[in-house]
Amino acid sequence: MNYYSQELTNQRWGIYEEHKLLATIGCYKTCQRIVTLLKASNPHKFGITQDLRPLKETKKSRSSKTSRRKAVA
């Protein structure tokens, strides 16, 4: 996987995989360290971006919604 960083217009740094923006970081040194670690990682051992779902689709968030409804009722 091809990871790299690039300065953004809002004075932050973006971390990219191929051409997909993964994260923004305010500190250049931290951004460079993360990119270095991502490049060194084994994608078969530690899938960085594979199989990720937004939080709203996880079981935990669904159960917390129902518990809020019970508490209100």
PDB file of N, CA and C in Angstrom:
ATOM      1  N   MET A   1       0.846  -1.179   0.000  1.00  0.00           N
ATOM      2  CA  MET A   1       0.000   0.000   0.000  1.00  0.00           C
ATOM      3  C   MET A   1       0.888   1.237   0.000  1.00  0.00           C
ATOM      4  N   ASN A   2       0.440   2.238  -0.678  1.00  0.00           N
ATOM      5  CA  ASN A   2       1.219   3.454  -0.840  1.00  0.00           C
ATOM      6  C   ASN A   2       0.685   4.543   0.101  1.00  0.00           C
ATOM      7  N   TYR A   3       1.401   4.791   1.193  1.00  0.00           N
ATOM      8  CA  TYR A   3       1.028   5.827   2.153  1.00  0.00           C
ATOM      9  C   TYR A   3       1.920   7.035   1.968  1.00  0.00           C
ATOM     10  N   TYR A   4       1.333   8.225   2.089  1.00  0.00           N
ATOM     11  CA  TYR A   4       2.122   9.454   2.018  1.00  0.00           C
ATOM     12  C   TYR A   4       1.370  10.569   2.724  1.00  0.00           C
ATOM     13  N   SER A   5       2.081  11.665   2.971  1.00  0.00           N
ATOM     14  CA  SER A   5       1.448  12.827   3.599  1.00  0.00           C
ATOM     15  C   SER A   5       1.569  14.021   2.675  1.00  0.00           C
ATOM     16  N   GLN A   6       0.663  14.978   2.880  1.00  0.00           N
ATOM     17  CA  GLN A   6       0.654  16.178   2.062  1.00  0.00           C
ATOM     18  C   GLN A   6       0.067  17.309   2.893  1.00  0.00           C
ATOM     19  N   GLU A   7       0.640  18.489   2.748  1.00  0.00           N
ATOM     20  CA  GLU A   7       0.119  19.640   3.479  1.00  0.00           C
ATOM     21  C   GLU A   7      -1.222  20.058   2.883  1.00  0.00           C
ATOM     22  N   LEU A   8      -2.187  20.347   3.756  1.00  0.00           N
ATOM     23  CA  LEU A   8      -3.519  20.753   3.337  1.00  0.00           C
ATOM     24  C   LEU A   8      -3.645  22.275   3.395  1.00  0.00           C
ATOM     25  N   THR A   9      -4.724  22.798   2.861  1.00  0.00           N
ATOM     26  CA  THR A   9      -4.915  24.251   2.824  1.00  0.00           C
ATOM     27  C   THR A   9      -5.220  24.845   4.191  1.00  0.00           C
ATOM     28  N   ASN A  10      -5.688  24.043   5.141  1.00  0.00           N
ATOM     29  CA  ASN A  10      -6.059  24.554   6.463  1.00  0.00           C
ATOM     30  C   ASN A  10      -4.921  24.422   7.482  1.00  0.00           C
ATOM     31  N   GLN A  11      -3.669  24.417   7.004  1.00  0.00           N
ATOM     32  CA  GLN A  11      -2.475  24.325   7.832  1.00  0.00           C
ATOM     33  C   GLN A  11      -2.418  23.035   8.644  1.00  0.00           C
ATOM     34  N   ARG A  12      -2.966  21.979   8.094  1.00  0.00           N
ATOM     35  CA  ARG A  12      -2.881  20.644   8.685  1.00  0.00           C
ATOM     36  C   ARG A  12      -2.219  19.740   7.665  1.00  0.00           C
ATOM     37  N   TRP A  13      -1.921  18.530   8.080  1.00  0.00           N
ATOM     38  CA  TRP A  13      -1.293  17.543   7.211  1.00  0.00           C
ATOM     39  C   TRP A  13      -2.251  16.383   7.009  1.00  0.00           C
ATOM     40  N   GLY A  14      -2.379  15.935   5.780  1.00  0.00           N
ATOM     41  CA  GLY A  14      -3.239  14.807   5.459  1.00  0.00           C
ATOM     42  C   GLY A  14      -2.428  13.544   5.272  1.00  0.00           C
ATOM     43  N   ILE A  15      -2.946  12.437   5.767  1.00  0.00           N
ATOM     44  CA  ILE A  15      -2.339  11.126   5.557  1.00  0.00           C
ATOM     45  C   ILE A  15      -3.192  10.406   4.525  1.00  0.00           C
ATOM     46  N   TYR A  16      -2.549   9.952   3.476  1.00  0.00           N
ATOM     47  CA  TYR A  16      -3.244   9.335   2.349  1.00  0.00           C
ATOM     48  C   TYR A  16      -2.806   7.897   2.141  1.00  0.00           C
ATOM     49  N   GLU A  17      -3.746   7.081   1.690  1.00  0.00           N
ATOM     50  CA  GLU A  17      -3.463   5.747   1.174  1.00  0.00           C
ATOM     51  C   GLU A  17      -3.884   5.791  -0.283  1.00  0.00           C
ATOM     52  N   GLU A  18      -2.906   5.613  -1.177  1.00  0.00           N
ATOM     53  CA  GLU A  18      -3.117   5.852  -2.604  1.00  0.00           C
ATOM     54  C   GLU A  18      -3.591   7.305  -2.753  1.00  0.00           C
ATOM     55  N   HIS A  19      -4.843   7.553  -3.140  1.00  0.00           N
ATOM     56  CA  HIS A  19      -5.347   8.926  -3.255  1.00  0.00           C
ATOM     57  C   HIS A  19      -6.485   9.182  -2.281  1.00  0.00           C
ATOM     58  N   LYS A  20      -6.646   8.308  -1.300  1.00  0.00           N
ATOM     59  CA  LYS A  20      -7.740   8.406  -0.341  1.00  0.00           C
ATOM     60  C   LYS A  20      -7.242   9.039   0.964  1.00  0.00           C
ATOM     61  N   LEU A  21      -7.857  10.141   1.371  1.00  0.00           N
ATOM     62  CA  LEU A  21      -7.494  10.805   2.618  1.00  0.00           C
ATOM     63  C   LEU A  21      -7.974   9.962   3.797  1.00  0.00           C
ATOM     64  N   LEU A  22      -7.039   9.551   4.657  1.00  0.00           N
ATOM     65  CA  LEU A  22      -7.379   8.725   5.818  1.00  0.00           C
ATOM     66  C   LEU A  22      -7.551   9.555   7.082  1.00  0.00           C
ATOM     67  N   ALA A  23      -6.717  10.581   7.241  1.00  0.00           N
ATOM     68  CA  ALA A  23      -6.748  11.369   8.473  1.00  0.00           C
ATOM     69  C   ALA A  23      -6.074  12.711   8.254  1.00  0.00           C
ATOM     70  N   THR A  24      -6.374  13.661   9.128  1.00  0.00           N
ATOM     71  CA  THR A  24      -5.650  14.923   9.150  1.00  0.00           C
ATOM     72  C   THR A  24      -5.011  15.089  10.517  1.00  0.00           C
ATOM     73  N   ILE A  25      -3.814  15.648  10.515  1.00  0.00           N
ATOM     74  CA  ILE A  25      -3.016  15.809  11.723  1.00  0.00           C
ATOM     75  C   ILE A  25      -2.503  17.242  11.757  1.00  0.00           C
ATOM     76  N   GLY A  26      -2.483  17.852  12.925  1.00  0.00           N
ATOM     77  CA  GLY A  26      -2.016  19.218  13.055  1.00  0.00           C
ATOM     78  C   GLY A  26      -0.505  19.351  13.163  1.00  0.00           C
ATOM     79  N   CYS A  27       0.170  18.298  13.559  1.00  0.00           N
ATOM     80  CA  CYS A  27       1.617  18.344  13.789  1.00  0.00           C
ATOM     81  C   CYS A  27       2.357  17.592  12.685  1.00  0.00           C
ATOM     82  N   TYR A  28       3.292  18.269  12.027  1.00  0.00           N
ATOM     83  CA  TYR A  28       4.039  17.659  10.927  1.00  0.00           C
ATOM     84  C   TYR A  28       4.826  16.433  11.393  1.00  0.00           C
ATOM     85  N   LYS A  29       5.520  16.540  12.522  1.00  0.00           N
ATOM     86  CA  LYS A  29       6.344  15.422  13.008  1.00  0.00           C
ATOM     87  C   LYS A  29       5.488  14.197  13.326  1.00  0.00           C
ATOM     88  N   THR A  30       4.344  14.412  13.941  1.00  0.00           N
ATOM     89  CA  THR A  30       3.439  13.304  14.247  1.00  0.00           C
ATOM     90  C   THR A  30       2.936  12.658  12.965  1.00  0.00           C
ATOM     91  N   CYS A  31       2.599  13.480  11.994  1.00  0.00           N
ATOM     92  CA  CYS A  31       2.125  12.971  10.709  1.00  0.00           C
ATOM     93  C   CYS A  31       3.192  12.103  10.053  1.00  0.00           C
ATOM     94  N   GLN A  32       4.427  12.579  10.039  1.00  0.00           N
ATOM     95  CA  GLN A  32       5.515  11.813   9.429  1.00  0.00           C
ATOM     96  C   GLN A  32       5.748  10.495  10.157  1.00  0.00           C
ATOM     97  N   ARG A  33       5.630  10.503  11.477  1.00  0.00           N
ATOM     98  CA  ARG A  33       5.821   9.282  12.259  1.00  0.00           C
ATOM     99  C   ARG A  33       4.732   8.257  11.933  1.00  0.00           C
ATOM    100  N   ILE A  34       3.495   8.708  11.831  1.00  0.00           N
ATOM    101  CA  ILE A  34       2.384   7.811  11.502  1.00  0.00           C
ATOM    102  C   ILE A  34       2.574   7.211  10.111  1.00  0.00           C
ATOM    103  N   VAL A  35       2.959   8.035   9.140  1.00  0.00           N
ATOM    104  CA  VAL A  35       3.177   7.539   7.779  1.00  0.00           C
ATOM    105  C   VAL A  35       4.304   6.507   7.772  1.00  0.00           C
ATOM    106  N   THR A  36       5.370   6.765   8.509  1.00  0.00           N
ATOM    107  CA  THR A  36       6.479   5.814   8.607  1.00  0.00           C
ATOM    108  C   THR A  36       6.009   4.485   9.183  1.00  0.00           C
ATOM    109  N   LEU A  37       5.195   4.538  10.233  1.00  0.00           N
ATOM    110  CA  LEU A  37       4.677   3.309  10.841  1.00  0.00           C
ATOM    111  C   LEU A  37       3.729   2.567   9.895  1.00  0.00           C
ATOM    112  N   LEU A  38       2.910   3.304   9.178  1.00  0.00           N
ATOM    113  CA  LEU A  38       2.001   2.676   8.215  1.00  0.00           C
ATOM    114  C   LEU A  38       2.782   1.981   7.100  1.00  0.00           C
ATOM    115  N   LYS A  39       3.826   2.627   6.611  1.00  0.00           N
ATOM    116  CA  LYS A  39       4.635   2.027   5.550  1.00  0.00           C
ATOM    117  C   LYS A  39       5.332   0.763   6.031  1.00  0.00           C
ATOM    118  N   ALA A  40       5.711   0.743   7.312  1.00  0.00           N
ATOM    119  CA  ALA A  40       6.428  -0.404   7.870  1.00  0.00           C
ATOM    120  C   ALA A  40       5.495  -1.539   8.281  1.00  0.00           C
ATOM    121  N   SER A  41       4.202  -1.260   8.391  1.00  0.00           N
ATOM    122  CA  SER A  41       3.265  -2.288   8.861  1.00  0.00           C
ATOM    123  C   SER A  41       3.030  -3.347   7.794  1.00  0.00           C
ATOM    124  N   ASN A  42       2.691  -4.534   8.262  1.00  0.00           N
ATOM    125  CA  ASN A  42       2.362  -5.647   7.383  1.00  0.00           C
ATOM    126  C   ASN A  42       0.855  -5.622   7.172  1.00  0.00           C
ATOM    127  N   PRO A  43       0.379  -5.320   5.965  1.00  0.00           N
ATOM    128  CA  PRO A  43      -1.068  -5.203   5.749  1.00  0.00           C
ATOM    129  C   PRO A  43      -1.831  -6.508   5.984  1.00  0.00           C
ATOM    130  N   HIS A  44      -1.152  -7.652   5.901  1.00  0.00           N
ATOM    131  CA  HIS A  44      -1.829  -8.922   6.148  1.00  0.00           C
ATOM    132  C   HIS A  44      -1.952  -9.196   7.644  1.00  0.00           C
ATOM    133  N   LYS A  45      -1.045  -8.642   8.417  1.00  0.00           N
ATOM    134  CA  LYS A  45      -1.073  -8.831   9.865  1.00  0.00           C
ATOM    135  C   LYS A  45      -1.986  -7.803  10.534  1.00  0.00           C
ATOM    136  N   PHE A  46      -1.974  -6.604  10.035  1.00  0.00           N
ATOM    137  CA  PHE A  46      -2.699  -5.504  10.665  1.00  0.00           C
ATOM    138  C   PHE A  46      -3.367  -4.694   9.569  1.00  0.00           C
ATOM    139  N   GLY A  47      -4.642  -4.992   9.273  1.00  0.00           N
ATOM    140  CA  GLY A  47      -5.366  -4.273   8.239  1.00  0.00           C
ATOM    141  C   GLY A  47      -5.735  -2.879   8.707  1.00  0.00           C
ATOM    142  N   ILE A  48      -5.118  -1.874   8.158  1.00  0.00           N
ATOM    143  CA  ILE A  48      -5.324  -0.505   8.618  1.00  0.00           C
ATOM    144  C   ILE A  48      -6.718   0.001   8.235  1.00  0.00           C
ATOM    145  N   THR A  49      -7.054  -0.081   6.958  1.00  0.00           N
ATOM    146  CA  THR A  49      -8.308   0.522   6.516  1.00  0.00           C
ATOM    147  C   THR A  49      -9.324  -0.500   6.020  1.00  0.00           C
ATOM    148  N   GLN A  50      -8.970  -1.756   6.008  1.00  0.00           N
ATOM    149  CA  GLN A  50      -9.895  -2.756   5.507  1.00  0.00           C
ATOM    150  C   GLN A  50     -10.935  -3.103   6.571  1.00  0.00           C
ATOM    151  N   ASP A  51     -12.127  -3.351   6.139  1.00  0.00           N
ATOM    152  CA  ASP A  51     -13.224  -3.789   7.012  1.00  0.00           C
ATOM    153  C   ASP A  51     -13.620  -2.768   8.069  1.00  0.00           C
ATOM    154  N   LEU A  52     -13.376  -1.495   7.817  1.00  0.00           N
ATOM    155  CA  LEU A  52     -13.812  -0.468   8.757  1.00  0.00           C
ATOM    156  C   LEU A  52     -15.212  -0.016   8.381  1.00  0.00           C
ATOM    157  N   ARG A  53     -16.038   0.225   9.392  1.00  0.00           N
ATOM    158  CA  ARG A  53     -17.380   0.726   9.162  1.00  0.00           C
ATOM    159  C   ARG A  53     -17.574   1.977  10.010  1.00  0.00           C
ATOM    160  N   PRO A  54     -18.417   2.899   9.573  1.00  0.00           N
ATOM    161  CA  PRO A  54     -18.701   4.059  10.414  1.00  0.00           C
ATOM    162  C   PRO A  54     -19.281   3.612  11.753  1.00  0.00           C
ATOM    163  N   LEU A  55     -19.040   4.382  12.784  1.00  0.00           N
ATOM    164  CA  LEU A  55     -19.478   4.049  14.124  1.00  0.00           C
ATOM    165  C   LEU A  55     -20.979   3.805  14.195  1.00  0.00           C
ATOM    166  N   LYS A  56     -21.756   4.556  13.439  1.00  0.00           N
ATOM    167  CA  LYS A  56     -23.210   4.418  13.499  1.00  0.00           C
ATOM    168  C   LYS A  56     -23.697   3.050  13.038  1.00  0.00           C
ATOM    169  N   GLU A  57     -22.833   2.282  12.364  1.00  0.00           N
ATOM    170  CA  GLU A  57     -23.233   0.969  11.884  1.00  0.00           C
ATOM    171  C   GLU A  57     -22.760  -0.181  12.774  1.00  0.00           C
ATOM    172  N   THR A  58     -22.097   0.108  13.854  1.00  0.00           N
ATOM    173  CA  THR A  58     -21.594  -0.959  14.711  1.00  0.00           C
ATOM    174  C   THR A  58     -22.669  -1.414  15.687  1.00  0.00           C
ATOM    175  N   LYS A  59     -22.510  -2.607  16.233  1.00  0.00           N
ATOM    176  CA  LYS A  59     -23.473  -3.145  17.186  1.00  0.00           C
ATOM    177  C   LYS A  59     -23.542  -2.292  18.445  1.00  0.00           C
ATOM    178  N   LYS A  60     -22.398  -1.802  18.897  1.00  0.00           N
ATOM    179  CA  LYS A  60     -22.356  -1.017  20.124  1.00  0.00           C
ATOM    180  C   LYS A  60     -23.240   0.218  20.019  1.00  0.00           C
ATOM    181  N   SER A  61     -23.141   0.923  18.893  1.00  0.00           N
ATOM    182  CA  SER A  61     -23.950   2.135  18.760  1.00  0.00           C
ATOM    183  C   SER A  61     -25.432   1.801  18.626  1.00  0.00           C
ATOM    184  N   ARG A  62     -25.773   0.671  17.988  1.00  0.00           N
ATOM    185  CA  ARG A  62     -27.180   0.290  17.891  1.00  0.00           C
ATOM    186  C   ARG A  62     -27.756  -0.039  19.262  1.00  0.00           C
ATOM    187  N   SER A  63     -26.986  -0.725  20.098  1.00  0.00           N
ATOM    188  CA  SER A  63     -27.480  -1.077  21.421  1.00  0.00           C
ATOM    189  C   SER A  63     -27.589   0.153  22.315  1.00  0.00           C
ATOM    190  N   SER A  64     -26.689   1.132  22.122  1.00  0.00           N
ATOM    191  CA  SER A  64     -26.766   2.331  22.952  1.00  0.00           C
ATOM    192  C   SER A  64     -27.992   3.157  22.596  1.00  0.00           C
ATOM    193  N   LYS A  65     -28.420   3.119  21.326  1.00  0.00           N
ATOM    194  CA  LYS A  65     -29.633   3.843  20.934  1.00  0.00           C
ATOM    195  C   LYS A  65     -30.855   3.243  21.618  1.00  0.00           C
ATOM    196  N   THR A  66     -30.923   1.922  21.677  1.00  0.00           N
ATOM    197  CA  THR A  66     -32.090   1.301  22.296  1.00  0.00           C
ATOM    198  C   THR A  66     -32.081   1.543  23.799  1.00  0.00           C
ATOM    199  N   SER A  67     -30.901   1.562  24.409  1.00  0.00           N
ATOM    200  CA  SER A  67     -30.868   1.798  25.848  1.00  0.00           C
ATOM    201  C   SER A  67     -31.281   3.232  26.173  1.00  0.00           C
ATOM    202  N   ARG A  68     -30.980   4.175  25.282  1.00  0.00           N
ATOM    203  CA  ARG A  68     -31.429   5.552  25.499  1.00  0.00           C
ATOM    204  C   ARG A  68     -32.943   5.641  25.418  1.00  0.00           C
ATOM    205  N   ARG A  69     -33.536   4.927  24.471  1.00  0.00           N
ATOM    206  CA  ARG A  69     -34.986   4.943  24.335  1.00  0.00           C
ATOM    207  C   ARG A  69     -35.660   4.388  25.603  1.00  0.00           C
ATOM    208  N   LYS A  70     -35.127   3.330  26.148  1.00  0.00           N
ATOM    209  CA  LYS A  70     -35.695   2.739  27.356  1.00  0.00           C
ATOM    210  C   LYS A  70     -35.579   3.713  28.529  1.00  0.00           C
ATOM    211  N   ALA A  71     -34.457   4.411  28.590  1.00  0.00           N
ATOM    212  CA  ALA A  71     -34.244   5.344  29.699  1.00  0.00           C
ATOM    213  C   ALA A  71     -35.205   6.511  29.622  1.00  0.00           C
ATOM    214  N   VAL A  72     -35.538   6.959  28.392  1.00  0.00           N
ATOM    215  CA  VAL A  72     -36.440   8.080  28.205  1.00  0.00           C
ATOM    216  C   VAL A  72     -37.874   7.677  28.508  1.00  0.00           C
ATOM    217  N   ALA A  73     -38.246   6.471  28.114  1.00  0.00           N
ATOM    218  CA  ALA A  73     -39.633   6.012  28.263  1.00  0.00           C
ATOM    219  C   ALA A  73     -40.053   5.800  29.694  1.00  0.00           C
TER     220      ALA A  73
END
